[in-house]
C-alpha atoms as a PDB file:
ATOM      1  CA  MET A   1      35.340 244.464 -51.826  1.00  0.00           C
ATOM      2  CA  ASP A   2      36.351 245.650 -55.173  1.00  0.00           C
ATOM      3  CA  GLY A   3      38.273 248.763 -55.725  1.00  0.00           C
ATOM      4  CA  ALA A   4      35.225 251.193 -56.387  1.00  0.00           C
ATOM      5  CA  ASP A   5      33.728 250.145 -53.171  1.00  0.00           C
ATOM      6  CA  ARG A   6      36.987 250.652 -50.920  1.00  0.00           C
ATOM      7  CA  PHE A   7      37.517 254.096 -52.705  1.00  0.00           C
ATOM      8  CA  GLU A   8      33.984 255.176 -52.089  1.00  0.00           C
ATOM      9  CA  GLU A   9      34.622 254.402 -48.054  1.00  0.00           C
ATOM     10  CA  LEU A  10      37.985 256.217 -48.221  1.00  0.00           C
ATOM     11  CA  VAL A  11      35.798 259.116 -49.651  1.00  0.00           C
ATOM     12  CA  ALA A  12      33.632 259.002 -46.827  1.00  0.00           C
ATOM     13  CA  ALA A  13      36.231 259.075 -44.433  1.00  0.00           C
ATOM     14  CA  LEU A  14      38.239 261.573 -45.865  1.00  0.00           C
ATOM     15  CA  LEU A  15      35.295 264.226 -46.488  1.00  0.00           C
ATOM     16  CA  PRO A  16      35.241 265.702 -42.821  1.00  0.00           C
ATOM     17  CA  GLU A  17      38.993 266.949 -43.274  1.00  0.00           C
ATOM     18  CA  PRO A  18      39.211 270.487 -44.128  1.00  0.00           C
ATOM     19  CA  GLY A  19      39.340 271.512 -47.837  1.00  0.00           C
ATOM     20  CA  VAL A  20      38.660 268.133 -49.147  1.00  0.00           C
ATOM     21  CA  GLU A  21      36.356 267.913 -52.273  1.00  0.00           C
ATOM     22  CA  PRO A  22      34.751 264.719 -53.235  1.00  0.00           C
ATOM     23  CA  PRO A  23      35.005 263.281 -56.739  1.00  0.00           C
ATOM     24  CA  ASN A  24      32.696 265.147 -59.481  1.00  0.00           C
ATOM     25  CA  ALA A  25      30.674 263.035 -61.794  1.00  0.00           C
ATOM     26  CA  GLY A  26      31.954 263.219 -65.365  1.00  0.00           C
ATOM     27  CA  ARG A  27      34.705 261.756 -67.438  1.00  0.00           C
ATOM     28  CA  SER A  28      37.228 263.914 -67.590  1.00  0.00           C
ATOM     29  CA  PHE A  29      40.847 263.698 -65.891  1.00  0.00           C
ATOM     30  CA  GLY A  30      40.307 263.963 -62.135  1.00  0.00           C
ATOM     31  CA  ALA A  31      36.507 263.091 -62.249  1.00  0.00           C
ATOM     32  CA  SER A  32      37.344 260.467 -59.750  1.00  0.00           C
ATOM     33  CA  ALA A  33      40.026 262.209 -57.782  1.00  0.00           C
ATOM     34  CA  ILE A  34      39.342 263.703 -54.138  1.00  0.00           C
ATOM     35  CA  LYS A  35      41.069 267.098 -53.695  1.00  0.00           C
ATOM     36  CA  VAL A  36      42.039 269.319 -51.128  1.00  0.00           C
ATOM     37  CA  ASP A  37      42.199 272.854 -51.972  1.00  0.00           C
ATOM     38  CA  ARG A  38      41.286 272.025 -55.367  1.00  0.00           C
ATOM     39  CA  LYS A  39      44.598 269.841 -55.821  1.00  0.00           C
ATOM     40  CA  ILE A  40      44.035 266.027 -56.383  1.00  0.00           C
ATOM     41  CA  PHE A  41      45.743 263.925 -53.921  1.00  0.00           C
ATOM     42  CA  ALA A  42      44.051 260.384 -54.411  1.00  0.00           C
ATOM     43  CA  MET A  43      41.954 258.984 -57.219  1.00  0.00           C
ATOM     44  CA  LEU A  44      40.847 255.668 -58.321  1.00  0.00           C
ATOM     45  CA  ALA A  45      42.457 254.325 -61.647  1.00  0.00           C
ATOM     46  CA  ASP A  46      41.423 251.070 -63.235  1.00  0.00           C
ATOM     47  CA  GLY A  47      40.186 250.041 -59.899  1.00  0.00           C
ATOM     48  CA  ARG A  48      43.483 250.942 -58.173  1.00  0.00           C
ATOM     49  CA  LEU A  49      44.005 253.571 -55.506  1.00  0.00           C
ATOM     50  CA  VAL A  50      46.380 256.482 -56.882  1.00  0.00           C
ATOM     51  CA  VAL A  51      48.025 259.014 -54.545  1.00  0.00           C
ATOM     52  CA  LYS A  52      50.265 261.774 -54.422  1.00  0.00           C
ATOM     53  CA  LEU A  53      53.334 261.307 -52.211  1.00  0.00           C
ATOM     54  CA  PRO A  54      56.902 262.850 -51.789  1.00  0.00           C
ATOM     55  CA  LYS A  55      59.408 261.246 -54.616  1.00  0.00           C
ATOM     56  CA  SER A  56      61.446 259.382 -51.805  1.00  0.00           C
ATOM     57  CA  ARG A  57      58.008 257.646 -50.315  1.00  0.00           C
ATOM     58  CA  VAL A  58      57.145 256.605 -53.731  1.00  0.00           C
ATOM     59  CA  ASP A  59      60.527 255.229 -54.246  1.00  0.00           C
ATOM     60  CA  GLU A  60      60.433 253.365 -51.122  1.00  0.00           C
ATOM     61  CA  LEU A  61      56.767 251.534 -52.138  1.00  0.00           C
ATOM     62  CA  VAL A  62      57.761 250.874 -55.350  1.00  0.00           C
ATOM     63  CA  ALA A  63      60.993 249.220 -54.110  1.00  0.00           C
ATOM     64  CA  ALA A  64      58.986 247.140 -51.504  1.00  0.00           C
ATOM     65  CA  ALA A  65      56.584 246.046 -54.521  1.00  0.00           C
ATOM     66  CA  HIS A  66      53.619 247.877 -53.255  1.00  0.00           C
ATOM     67  CA  GLY A  67      52.822 249.591 -56.561  1.00  0.00           C
ATOM     68  CA  ASN A  68      54.301 251.347 -59.507  1.00  0.00           C
ATOM     69  CA  ARG A  69      54.651 254.869 -60.772  1.00  0.00           C
ATOM     70  CA  PHE A  70      51.279 256.235 -62.215  1.00  0.00           C
ATOM     71  CA  ASP A  71      51.712 257.575 -65.810  1.00  0.00           C
ATOM     72  CA  ALA A  72      48.065 258.915 -66.920  1.00  0.00           C
ATOM     73  CA  ASN A  73      48.462 256.881 -69.770  1.00  0.00           C
ATOM     74  CA  LYS A  74      51.310 259.004 -71.599  1.00  0.00           C
ATOM     75  CA  GLY A  75      54.105 256.769 -70.990  1.00  0.00           C
ATOM     76  CA  LYS A  76      55.964 258.870 -68.678  1.00  0.00           C
ATOM     77  CA  PRO A  77      55.693 257.666 -65.068  1.00  0.00           C
ATOM     78  CA  MET A  78      55.175 260.544 -62.739  1.00  0.00           C
ATOM     79  CA  LYS A  79      57.786 261.021 -59.632  1.00  0.00           C
ATOM     80  CA  GLU A  80      55.322 261.786 -57.069  1.00  0.00           C
ATOM     81  CA  TRP A  81      52.298 259.411 -58.114  1.00  0.00           C
ATOM     82  CA  LEU A  82      52.406 256.044 -56.530  1.00  0.00           C
ATOM     83  CA  ARG A  83      49.545 253.594 -58.160  1.00  0.00           C
ATOM     84  CA  LEU A  84      48.929 250.610 -55.886  1.00  0.00           C
ATOM     85  CA  ALA A  85      49.475 247.155 -56.994  1.00  0.00           C
ATOM     86  CA  PRO A  86      46.252 244.798 -56.408  1.00  0.00           C
ATOM     87  CA  GLU A  87      47.966 242.725 -54.216  1.00  0.00           C
ATOM     88  CA  SER A  88      49.258 245.188 -51.965  1.00  0.00           C
ATOM     89  CA  SER A  89      48.383 244.864 -48.190  1.00  0.00           C
ATOM     90  CA  LEU A  90      48.918 248.520 -47.478  1.00  0.00           C
ATOM     91  CA  ASP A  91      46.041 250.358 -45.674  1.00  0.00           C
ATOM     92  CA  TRP A  92      44.249 252.406 -48.524  1.00  0.00           C
ATOM     93  CA  LEU A  93      42.693 255.086 -45.626  1.00  0.00           C
ATOM     94  CA  GLU A  94      46.249 255.722 -44.387  1.00  0.00           C
ATOM     95  CA  LEU A  95      48.025 256.224 -47.566  1.00  0.00           C
ATOM     96  CA  ALA A  96      45.213 258.550 -48.643  1.00  0.00           C
ATOM     97  CA  ARG A  97      45.783 260.571 -45.497  1.00  0.00           C
ATOM     98  CA  GLU A  98      49.440 260.821 -46.010  1.00  0.00           C
ATOM     99  CA  ALA A  99      48.701 261.732 -49.716  1.00  0.00           C
ATOM    100  CA  TYR A 100      46.297 264.381 -48.196  1.00  0.00           C
ATOM    101  CA  ALA A 101      48.819 265.869 -45.653  1.00  0.00           C
ATOM    102  CA  PHE A 102      51.600 266.183 -48.299  1.00  0.00           C
ATOM    103  CA  VAL A 103      49.281 268.082 -51.029  1.00  0.00           C
ATOM    104  CA  ARG A 104      47.960 270.131 -48.051  1.00  0.00           C
ATOM    105  CA  GLY A 105      51.563 271.268 -46.915  1.00  0.00           C
END
């Protein structure tokens, strides 16, 4: 299963959660993002899951080689955004739920 298929399953699983908005069609930033209360918490970028998590959690996952900081192609890594490595064995849905809880507050 490729990243797009995995992400599609993830979106379907999260849609019943309060405040969750599915990705919208288009080519703008955030078009492939799942939002809660209009804030992005997970998205698909180049076939990889990108999630917003606390900086300390991102630090932990980067140190464990599960991914790297997402930089939105601007050359400056974002402290609270993790881009999962293709070889990571982490559960996408579990990470997305963690991101949902973090962004929802």
